Protein backbone atom coordinates (compact mmCIF):
# COMPACT_ATOMS: atom_id res chain seq x y z
CA UNK A 1 114.07 62.34 96.79
CA UNK A 2 111.85 65.25 96.19
CA UNK A 3 112.47 68.38 98.13
CA UNK A 4 109.97 71.27 98.55
CA UNK A 5 111.40 74.65 98.14
CA UNK A 6 109.79 77.09 100.60
CA UNK A 7 108.13 80.07 99.08
CA UNK A 8 109.73 83.41 99.23
CA UNK A 9 108.68 85.49 102.16
CA UNK A 10 106.02 88.09 101.18
CA UNK A 11 108.49 90.85 102.06
CA UNK A 12 110.80 89.74 99.30
CA UNK A 13 108.42 90.90 96.51
CA UNK A 14 107.90 94.55 95.89
CA UNK A 15 104.56 95.71 97.35
CA UNK A 16 102.12 96.54 94.56
CA UNK A 17 99.62 99.13 95.55
CA UNK A 18 96.86 100.76 93.31
CA UNK A 19 97.73 104.30 92.44
CA UNK A 20 95.04 106.93 91.99
CA UNK A 21 91.39 106.89 92.75
CA UNK A 22 89.40 103.73 91.69
CA UNK A 23 86.15 105.76 91.65
CA UNK A 24 87.67 108.34 89.35
CA UNK A 25 89.12 105.83 86.97
CA UNK A 26 85.77 103.97 86.76
CA UNK A 27 83.88 107.22 86.15
CA UNK A 28 86.30 108.17 83.42
CA UNK A 29 85.90 104.75 81.79
CA UNK A 30 82.08 104.99 82.09
CA UNK A 31 82.03 108.34 80.46
CA UNK A 32 83.96 107.09 77.52
CA UNK A 33 81.92 103.92 77.19
CA UNK A 34 78.68 105.89 77.57
CA UNK A 35 79.79 108.39 74.93
CA UNK A 36 80.49 105.46 72.57
CA UNK A 37 77.10 103.81 73.05
CA UNK A 38 75.19 107.11 73.04
CA UNK A 39 76.84 108.09 69.75
CA UNK A 40 75.12 104.95 68.12
CA UNK A 41 71.96 104.52 70.09
CA UNK A 42 71.47 108.33 69.96
CA UNK A 43 70.81 107.98 66.12
CA UNK A 44 67.41 106.65 67.19
CA UNK A 45 66.71 109.57 69.52
CA UNK A 46 67.27 107.55 72.66
CA UNK A 47 70.10 107.65 75.22
CA UNK A 48 71.70 104.37 76.17
CA UNK A 49 69.93 104.53 79.54
CA UNK A 50 66.55 104.90 77.89
CA UNK A 51 67.27 101.94 75.56
CA UNK A 52 68.19 99.94 78.64
CA UNK A 53 64.93 100.95 80.37
CA UNK A 54 62.87 99.97 77.42
CA UNK A 55 64.66 96.71 77.11
CA UNK A 56 64.13 95.82 80.75
CA UNK A 57 60.37 96.53 80.51
CA UNK A 58 60.20 94.66 77.22
CA UNK A 59 61.86 91.58 78.84
CA UNK A 60 60.26 91.83 82.39
CA UNK A 61 57.06 93.85 82.00
CA UNK A 62 54.42 94.71 82.81
CA UNK A 63 55.87 95.09 86.26
CA UNK A 64 55.73 97.42 89.31
CA UNK A 65 58.21 100.27 89.29
CA UNK A 66 59.79 98.96 92.49
CA UNK A 67 60.48 95.55 90.88
CA UNK A 68 61.92 97.38 87.77
CA UNK A 69 64.15 99.64 89.94
CA UNK A 70 65.42 96.56 91.71
CA UNK A 71 66.13 94.72 88.52
CA UNK A 72 68.01 97.69 87.06
CA UNK A 73 69.65 98.43 90.47
CA UNK A 74 68.33 102.04 90.44
CA UNK A 75 66.94 104.04 93.19
CA UNK A 76 63.25 105.23 93.10
CA UNK A 77 63.94 108.83 92.10
CA UNK A 78 66.23 107.89 89.31
CA UNK A 79 63.73 105.51 87.87
CA UNK A 80 60.90 107.99 88.10
CA UNK A 81 63.07 110.70 86.37
CA UNK A 82 63.98 108.16 83.63
CA UNK A 83 60.42 106.94 83.10
CA UNK A 84 58.87 110.34 82.47
CA UNK A 85 60.27 111.08 78.95
CA UNK A 86 59.55 107.45 77.78
CA UNK A 87 56.00 107.64 79.10
CA UNK A 88 55.67 111.11 77.47
CA UNK A 89 56.92 109.79 74.09
CA UNK A 90 54.32 107.01 74.35
CA UNK A 91 56.90 104.22 74.39
CA UNK A 92 56.15 103.13 77.96
CA UNK A 93 52.77 103.26 79.79
CA UNK A 94 51.94 103.51 83.56
CA UNK A 95 48.74 101.66 84.35
CA UNK A 96 46.93 100.81 87.54
CA UNK A 97 48.22 97.93 89.38
CA UNK A 98 46.44 95.25 91.46
CA UNK A 99 45.39 97.71 94.02
CA UNK A 100 44.56 101.44 94.12
CA UNK A 101 48.05 102.39 95.29
CA UNK A 102 50.29 100.48 92.90
CA UNK A 103 51.24 101.00 89.16
CA UNK A 104 52.51 98.83 86.43
CA UNK A 105 55.00 99.77 83.82
CA UNK A 106 54.56 98.29 80.37
CA UNK A 107 55.98 98.82 76.93
CA UNK A 108 53.64 100.07 74.12
CA UNK A 109 53.67 98.96 70.51
CA UNK A 110 55.56 102.10 69.55
CA UNK A 111 57.97 101.27 72.41
CA UNK A 112 58.61 97.89 70.94
CA UNK A 113 59.39 99.41 67.54
CA UNK A 114 61.77 102.06 69.11
CA UNK A 115 63.44 99.37 71.12
CA UNK A 116 64.04 97.28 68.03
CA UNK A 117 65.48 100.20 66.18
CA UNK A 118 67.73 101.02 69.08
CA UNK A 119 68.77 97.44 69.48
CA UNK A 120 70.30 97.46 65.98
CA UNK A 121 72.29 100.58 66.83
CA UNK A 122 73.32 99.04 70.18
CA UNK A 123 74.73 96.06 68.43
CA UNK A 124 76.81 98.34 66.20
CA UNK A 125 78.10 100.01 69.41
CA UNK A 126 78.96 96.68 71.02
CA UNK A 127 80.80 95.39 68.06
CA UNK A 128 82.74 98.73 68.05
CA UNK A 129 83.67 98.26 71.71
CA UNK A 130 84.74 94.66 70.86
CA UNK A 131 86.87 95.85 67.94
CA UNK A 132 88.49 98.80 69.83
CA UNK A 133 89.31 96.92 73.02
CA UNK A 134 89.60 93.37 71.60
CA UNK A 135 87.21 90.58 72.47
CA UNK A 136 89.62 89.07 75.00
CA UNK A 137 89.88 92.38 76.85
CA UNK A 138 86.10 92.83 76.81
CA UNK A 139 85.64 89.28 78.24
CA UNK A 140 88.19 90.03 80.86
CA UNK A 141 86.50 93.32 81.72
CA UNK A 142 83.14 91.62 82.02
CA UNK A 143 84.55 89.00 84.37
CA UNK A 144 86.23 91.61 86.56
CA UNK A 145 83.10 93.71 86.66
CA UNK A 146 80.93 90.62 87.57
CA UNK A 147 83.36 89.55 90.29
CA UNK A 148 83.59 93.10 91.68
CA UNK A 149 79.72 93.41 91.75
CA UNK A 150 79.41 90.09 93.59
CA UNK A 151 82.01 91.32 96.21
CA UNK A 152 80.56 94.72 96.79
CA UNK A 153 77.60 95.27 99.05
CA UNK A 154 74.29 95.33 97.28
CA UNK A 155 72.31 98.63 97.21
CA UNK A 156 70.10 99.00 100.24
CA UNK A 157 66.44 98.26 99.65
CA UNK A 158 64.24 101.35 99.04
CA UNK A 159 62.63 102.52 102.35
CA UNK A 160 58.93 103.20 102.68
CA UNK A 161 59.41 106.84 102.06
CA UNK A 162 61.00 106.21 98.67
CA UNK A 163 58.76 103.31 97.49
CA UNK A 164 59.15 103.47 93.64
CA UNK A 165 55.73 101.94 93.14
CA UNK A 166 54.18 105.04 94.74
CA UNK A 167 56.82 107.47 93.48
CA UNK A 168 55.91 106.71 89.77
CA UNK A 169 52.17 107.25 90.37
């Protein structure tokens, strides 16, 4: 005869509770990870954020700044600020869109070359993270981040006053 043993009451286990501020811990981790990637990608003259922006435009472009901001989960002012140096360097171009009020962001030939150069350095940085943390830890971290992002509310849509398609004009 099989008997089922009742589970221990929840009060029997010691209550585990996070200690410290999750936001602070995440920011500390992000600073260290960013420093690691910027040390490698920086050898090309780009910051990691600039490489990411070039890569998004390379893969998705030409596209409206608003669509780019949504794809990158950035607000309009951050995208506009990040676009300026890449446009000034000639790696990205802002062109007229389908109507007089909209713009399109596209990558230039020199931007493709810069992205390719930075991509090689990014791979070195990624392999370094894999080695430092261990592949299993990196996979677990990615899974935790993905799950957390799914559970957290998405960023609110840009309102009309902060329309990134008009802000980048």
